[in-house]
Amino acid sequence: MTVFLVIGVIGLVLLAVSLVLGDLLDGVADALPGDVFSTAVIGAFVAATGFGGATAEAAGTPAVVSLPVGIVAGVVFGWFAAWLTRLIRDGGSDATPSVDHTVGQAGRVVSAIPNAGLGTVDVLVGGNPVRLNARCDQPLEAGTEVYVTTVLSPTAVEVAPVWRPLP
């Protein structure tokens, strides 16, 4: 059982090293497809093999059975580590929000919009408040809820007030 526990601890150390320092085996096995030989996958395989074998041996199975049980556990956890690594690497990020993403979004007038001039509005884009210059076909007071109808420039939009029915 001690041998299996030592193998498991070595695997955990390898996993910790891959977490802190990154993939140490990067480029070693580039000829092979996927992330089969990444540091995280090998660390997960070794740790699960050691602890799986130790668990089987602690349950009273002979070493002839404990070793295959450990290897199966290692393959399962190694596959999971490869899947998780691939998921993280391939996960794209959203595009950077731009003023074009404001069309149709609700906002609030910050500084009044005069009849023939520009005021300021705050609009949420991607969860982030964006302050833009705004114009409207009618004067709007500060605090009025609006929605963006058109983009005029990278810093200016045209807005319309949110329609509220009379009670």
C-alpha atoms as a PDB file:
ATOM      1  CA  MET A   1       0.000   0.000   0.000  1.00  0.00           C
ATOM      2  CA  THR A   2       2.884   2.363   0.702  1.00  0.00           C
ATOM      3  CA  VAL A   3       4.086   2.095  -2.896  1.00  0.00           C
ATOM      4  CA  PHE A   4       0.654   3.120  -4.192  1.00  0.00           C
ATOM      5  CA  LEU A   5       0.481   6.060  -1.785  1.00  0.00           C
ATOM      6  CA  VAL A   6       3.943   7.269  -2.866  1.00  0.00           C
ATOM      7  CA  ILE A   7       2.846   7.034  -6.513  1.00  0.00           C
ATOM      8  CA  GLY A   8      -0.303   9.016  -5.674  1.00  0.00           C
ATOM      9  CA  VAL A   9       1.666  11.740  -3.898  1.00  0.00           C
ATOM     10  CA  ILE A  10       4.083  11.987  -6.832  1.00  0.00           C
ATOM     11  CA  GLY A  11       1.077  12.477  -9.110  1.00  0.00           C
ATOM     12  CA  LEU A  12      -0.322  15.205  -6.843  1.00  0.00           C
ATOM     13  CA  VAL A  13       3.046  16.977  -6.843  1.00  0.00           C
ATOM     14  CA  LEU A  14       3.116  16.798 -10.642  1.00  0.00           C
ATOM     15  CA  LEU A  15      -0.413  18.239 -10.771  1.00  0.00           C
ATOM     16  CA  ALA A  16       0.575  21.065  -8.424  1.00  0.00           C
ATOM     17  CA  VAL A  17       3.642  21.835 -10.519  1.00  0.00           C
ATOM     18  CA  SER A  18       1.518  21.960 -13.678  1.00  0.00           C
ATOM     19  CA  LEU A  19      -0.923  24.293 -11.932  1.00  0.00           C
ATOM     20  CA  VAL A  20       1.793  26.679 -10.750  1.00  0.00           C
ATOM     21  CA  LEU A  21       4.325  26.516 -13.579  1.00  0.00           C
ATOM     22  CA  GLY A  22       2.164  25.489 -16.521  1.00  0.00           C
ATOM     23  CA  ASP A  23       2.705  22.629 -18.944  1.00  0.00           C
ATOM     24  CA  LEU A  24       6.276  21.402 -18.507  1.00  0.00           C
ATOM     25  CA  LEU A  25       5.937  18.864 -21.319  1.00  0.00           C
ATOM     26  CA  ASP A  26       4.798  21.411 -23.895  1.00  0.00           C
ATOM     27  CA  GLY A  27       6.316  20.488 -27.245  1.00  0.00           C
ATOM     28  CA  VAL A  28       7.658  17.097 -26.123  1.00  0.00           C
ATOM     29  CA  ALA A  29       4.910  15.085 -27.783  1.00  0.00           C
ATOM     30  CA  ASP A  30       3.649  17.452 -30.478  1.00  0.00           C
ATOM     31  CA  ALA A  31       3.531  14.588 -32.993  1.00  0.00           C
ATOM     32  CA  LEU A  32       0.717  12.972 -30.998  1.00  0.00           C
ATOM     33  CA  PRO A  33      -2.807  14.359 -31.317  1.00  0.00           C
ATOM     34  CA  GLY A  34      -4.557  16.094 -28.444  1.00  0.00           C
ATOM     35  CA  ASP A  35      -3.387  16.727 -24.913  1.00  0.00           C
ATOM     36  CA  VAL A  36      -2.613  13.128 -23.985  1.00  0.00           C
ATOM     37  CA  PHE A  37       0.871  13.904 -22.733  1.00  0.00           C
ATOM     38  CA  SER A  38       0.324  17.216 -20.981  1.00  0.00           C
ATOM     39  CA  THR A  39       1.660  17.608 -17.448  1.00  0.00           C
ATOM     40  CA  ALA A  40      -1.852  17.848 -16.012  1.00  0.00           C
ATOM     41  CA  VAL A  41      -3.012  14.636 -17.721  1.00  0.00           C
ATOM     42  CA  ILE A  42       0.045  12.667 -16.641  1.00  0.00           C
ATOM     43  CA  GLY A  43      -0.216  14.044 -13.097  1.00  0.00           C
ATOM     44  CA  ALA A  44      -3.904  13.097 -12.896  1.00  0.00           C
ATOM     45  CA  PHE A  45      -3.167   9.623 -14.270  1.00  0.00           C
ATOM     46  CA  VAL A  46      -0.316   8.973 -11.841  1.00  0.00           C
ATOM     47  CA  ALA A  47      -2.206  10.350  -8.814  1.00  0.00           C
ATOM     48  CA  ALA A  48      -5.381   8.392  -9.580  1.00  0.00           C
ATOM     49  CA  THR A  49      -3.395   5.227 -10.286  1.00  0.00           C
ATOM     50  CA  GLY A  50      -1.607   5.493  -6.944  1.00  0.00           C
ATOM     51  CA  PHE A  51      -4.629   6.395  -4.839  1.00  0.00           C
ATOM     52  CA  GLY A  52      -6.939   3.991  -6.719  1.00  0.00           C
ATOM     53  CA  GLY A  53      -4.503   1.131  -6.161  1.00  0.00           C
ATOM     54  CA  ALA A  54      -4.078   2.086  -2.508  1.00  0.00           C
ATOM     55  CA  THR A  55      -7.847   2.171  -2.033  1.00  0.00           C
ATOM     56  CA  ALA A  56      -8.252  -1.249  -3.656  1.00  0.00           C
ATOM     57  CA  GLU A  57      -5.431  -2.675  -1.546  1.00  0.00           C
ATOM     58  CA  ALA A  58      -6.923  -1.167   1.617  1.00  0.00           C
ATOM     59  CA  ALA A  59     -10.180  -2.964   0.755  1.00  0.00           C
ATOM     60  CA  GLY A  60      -8.282  -6.244   0.994  1.00  0.00           C
ATOM     61  CA  THR A  61      -7.707  -7.086  -2.679  1.00  0.00           C
ATOM     62  CA  PRO A  62      -4.386  -8.641  -3.682  1.00  0.00           C
ATOM     63  CA  ALA A  63      -1.809  -6.639  -5.635  1.00  0.00           C
ATOM     64  CA  VAL A  64      -2.751  -8.504  -8.813  1.00  0.00           C
ATOM     65  CA  VAL A  65      -6.198  -6.863  -8.610  1.00  0.00           C
ATOM     66  CA  SER A  66      -5.141  -3.553  -7.020  1.00  0.00           C
ATOM     67  CA  LEU A  67      -2.820  -2.598  -9.878  1.00  0.00           C
ATOM     68  CA  PRO A  68      -5.466  -2.931 -12.654  1.00  0.00           C
ATOM     69  CA  VAL A  69      -7.987  -1.069 -10.458  1.00  0.00           C
ATOM     70  CA  GLY A  70      -5.448   1.740 -10.037  1.00  0.00           C
ATOM     71  CA  ILE A  71      -4.711   1.832 -13.749  1.00  0.00           C
ATOM     72  CA  VAL A  72      -8.417   2.023 -14.608  1.00  0.00           C
ATOM     73  CA  ALA A  73      -8.843   4.881 -12.125  1.00  0.00           C
ATOM     74  CA  GLY A  74      -5.794   6.570 -13.678  1.00  0.00           C
ATOM     75  CA  VAL A  75      -7.198   6.269 -17.195  1.00  0.00           C
ATOM     76  CA  VAL A  76     -10.554   7.701 -16.091  1.00  0.00           C
ATOM     77  CA  PHE A  77      -9.002  10.666 -14.276  1.00  0.00           C
ATOM     78  CA  GLY A  78      -6.446  11.198 -17.066  1.00  0.00           C
ATOM     79  CA  TRP A  79      -9.285  11.336 -19.619  1.00  0.00           C
ATOM     80  CA  PHE A  80     -11.139  13.809 -17.413  1.00  0.00           C
ATOM     81  CA  ALA A  81      -8.027  16.003 -17.100  1.00  0.00           C
ATOM     82  CA  ALA A  82      -7.536  15.922 -20.887  1.00  0.00           C
ATOM     83  CA  TRP A  83     -11.197  16.823 -21.446  1.00  0.00           C
ATOM     84  CA  LEU A  84     -11.031  19.666 -18.927  1.00  0.00           C
ATOM     85  CA  THR A  85      -7.768  20.990 -20.402  1.00  0.00           C
ATOM     86  CA  ARG A  86      -9.249  20.933 -23.904  1.00  0.00           C
ATOM     87  CA  LEU A  87     -12.395  22.667 -22.669  1.00  0.00           C
ATOM     88  CA  ILE A  88     -10.381  25.470 -21.087  1.00  0.00           C
ATOM     89  CA  ARG A  89      -8.059  25.935 -24.057  1.00  0.00           C
ATOM     90  CA  ASP A  90     -10.802  25.900 -26.688  1.00  0.00           C
ATOM     91  CA  GLY A  91     -13.220  28.059 -24.729  1.00  0.00           C
ATOM     92  CA  GLY A  92     -13.488  31.281 -26.663  1.00  0.00           C
ATOM     93  CA  SER A  93     -14.174  34.594 -25.116  1.00  0.00           C
ATOM     94  CA  ASP A  94     -16.812  37.065 -26.136  1.00  0.00           C
ATOM     95  CA  ALA A  95     -15.872  39.805 -28.522  1.00  0.00           C
ATOM     96  CA  THR A  96     -14.937  43.153 -27.071  1.00  0.00           C
ATOM     97  CA  PRO A  97     -18.083  45.252 -26.726  1.00  0.00           C
ATOM     98  CA  SER A  98     -18.266  48.207 -29.098  1.00  0.00           C
ATOM     99  CA  VAL A  99     -20.646  51.077 -29.663  1.00  0.00           C
ATOM    100  CA  ASP A 100     -22.405  48.955 -32.300  1.00  0.00           C
ATOM    101  CA  HIS A 101     -23.599  46.661 -29.503  1.00  0.00           C
ATOM    102  CA  THR A 102     -25.596  49.508 -27.953  1.00  0.00           C
ATOM    103  CA  VAL A 103     -28.351  49.530 -30.598  1.00  0.00           C
ATOM    104  CA  GLY A 104     -31.568  48.382 -28.959  1.00  0.00           C
ATOM    105  CA  GLN A 105     -30.125  48.613 -25.449  1.00  0.00           C
ATOM    106  CA  ALA A 106     -31.802  50.585 -22.680  1.00  0.00           C
ATOM    107  CA  GLY A 107     -30.092  53.475 -21.002  1.00  0.00           C
ATOM    108  CA  ARG A 108     -30.639  56.579 -18.930  1.00  0.00           C
ATOM    109  CA  VAL A 109     -30.039  60.236 -19.743  1.00  0.00           C
ATOM    110  CA  VAL A 110     -27.213  61.608 -17.577  1.00  0.00           C
ATOM    111  CA  SER A 111     -27.141  65.192 -18.820  1.00  0.00           C
ATOM    112  CA  ALA A 112     -30.187  66.683 -20.517  1.00  0.00           C
ATOM    113  CA  ILE A 113     -30.493  66.368 -24.279  1.00  0.00           C
ATOM    114  CA  PRO A 114     -31.525  69.730 -25.819  1.00  0.00           C
ATOM    115  CA  ASN A 115     -33.747  69.985 -28.901  1.00  0.00           C
ATOM    116  CA  ALA A 116     -30.940  70.511 -31.431  1.00  0.00           C
ATOM    117  CA  GLY A 117     -27.904  69.361 -29.492  1.00  0.00           C
ATOM    118  CA  LEU A 118     -26.152  66.562 -27.692  1.00  0.00           C
ATOM    119  CA  GLY A 119     -26.552  65.285 -24.167  1.00  0.00           C
ATOM    120  CA  THR A 120     -25.093  62.264 -22.409  1.00  0.00           C
ATOM    121  CA  VAL A 121     -26.510  58.805 -21.750  1.00  0.00           C
ATOM    122  CA  ASP A 122     -25.331  55.743 -19.845  1.00  0.00           C
ATOM    123  CA  VAL A 123     -25.954  52.422 -21.598  1.00  0.00           C
ATOM    124  CA  LEU A 124     -25.072  48.919 -20.368  1.00  0.00           C
ATOM    125  CA  VAL A 125     -23.035  46.978 -22.943  1.00  0.00           C
ATOM    126  CA  GLY A 126     -21.926  43.500 -21.972  1.00  0.00           C
ATOM    127  CA  GLY A 127     -22.674  44.309 -18.344  1.00  0.00           C
ATOM    128  CA  ASN A 128     -20.444  47.388 -18.393  1.00  0.00           C
ATOM    129  CA  PRO A 129     -21.779  50.945 -18.290  1.00  0.00           C
ATOM    130  CA  VAL A 130     -20.772  53.044 -21.288  1.00  0.00           C
ATOM    131  CA  ARG A 131     -21.250  56.806 -21.350  1.00  0.00           C
ATOM    132  CA  LEU A 132     -21.977  58.194 -24.800  1.00  0.00           C
ATOM    133  CA  ASN A 133     -23.026  61.470 -26.345  1.00  0.00           C
ATOM    134  CA  ALA A 134     -26.630  61.305 -27.474  1.00  0.00           C
ATOM    135  CA  ARG A 135     -29.148  63.209 -29.507  1.00  0.00           C
ATOM    136  CA  CYS A 136     -32.898  62.847 -29.766  1.00  0.00           C
ATOM    137  CA  ASP A 137     -35.655  64.322 -31.921  1.00  0.00           C
ATOM    138  CA  GLN A 138     -37.138  65.861 -28.768  1.00  0.00           C
ATOM    139  CA  PRO A 139     -35.605  67.393 -25.634  1.00  0.00           C
ATOM    140  CA  LEU A 140     -35.105  64.932 -22.762  1.00  0.00           C
ATOM    141  CA  GLU A 141     -34.422  65.664 -19.103  1.00  0.00           C
ATOM    142  CA  ALA A 142     -31.742  63.930 -17.031  1.00  0.00           C
ATOM    143  CA  GLY A 143     -32.999  60.644 -15.602  1.00  0.00           C
ATOM    144  CA  THR A 144     -35.249  59.810 -18.561  1.00  0.00           C
ATOM    145  CA  GLU A 145     -35.128  56.165 -19.607  1.00  0.00           C
ATOM    146  CA  VAL A 146     -34.177  55.753 -23.267  1.00  0.00           C
ATOM    147  CA  TYR A 147     -33.135  53.111 -25.747  1.00  0.00           C
ATOM    148  CA  VAL A 148     -30.513  53.457 -28.462  1.00  0.00           C
ATOM    149  CA  THR A 149     -31.893  53.545 -32.015  1.00  0.00           C
ATOM    150  CA  THR A 150     -28.856  54.422 -34.147  1.00  0.00           C
ATOM    151  CA  VAL A 151     -25.085  54.732 -33.880  1.00  0.00           C
ATOM    152  CA  LEU A 152     -23.928  58.127 -35.143  1.00  0.00           C
ATOM    153  CA  SER A 153     -20.197  57.793 -34.453  1.00  0.00           C
ATOM    154  CA  PRO A 154     -17.874  55.842 -32.139  1.00  0.00           C
ATOM    155  CA  THR A 155     -18.858  58.209 -29.320  1.00  0.00           C
ATOM    156  CA  ALA A 156     -22.404  59.275 -30.205  1.00  0.00           C
ATOM    157  CA  VAL A 157     -25.776  57.597 -30.566  1.00  0.00           C
ATOM    158  CA  GLU A 158     -29.336  58.574 -31.308  1.00  0.00           C
ATOM    159  CA  VAL A 159     -31.885  57.655 -28.654  1.00  0.00           C
ATOM    160  CA  ALA A 160     -35.634  57.574 -28.184  1.00  0.00           C
ATOM    161  CA  PRO A 161     -37.487  57.753 -24.881  1.00  0.00           C
ATOM    162  CA  VAL A 162     -38.982  54.565 -23.474  1.00  0.00           C
ATOM    163  CA  TRP A 163     -42.716  54.705 -24.056  1.00  0.00           C
ATOM    164  CA  ARG A 164     -44.817  54.379 -20.934  1.00  0.00           C
ATOM    165  CA  PRO A 165     -48.588  53.960 -21.334  1.00  0.00           C
ATOM    166  CA  LEU A 166     -50.781  56.275 -19.326  1.00  0.00           C
ATOM    167  CA  PRO A 167     -52.564  54.663 -16.361  1.00  0.00           C
END
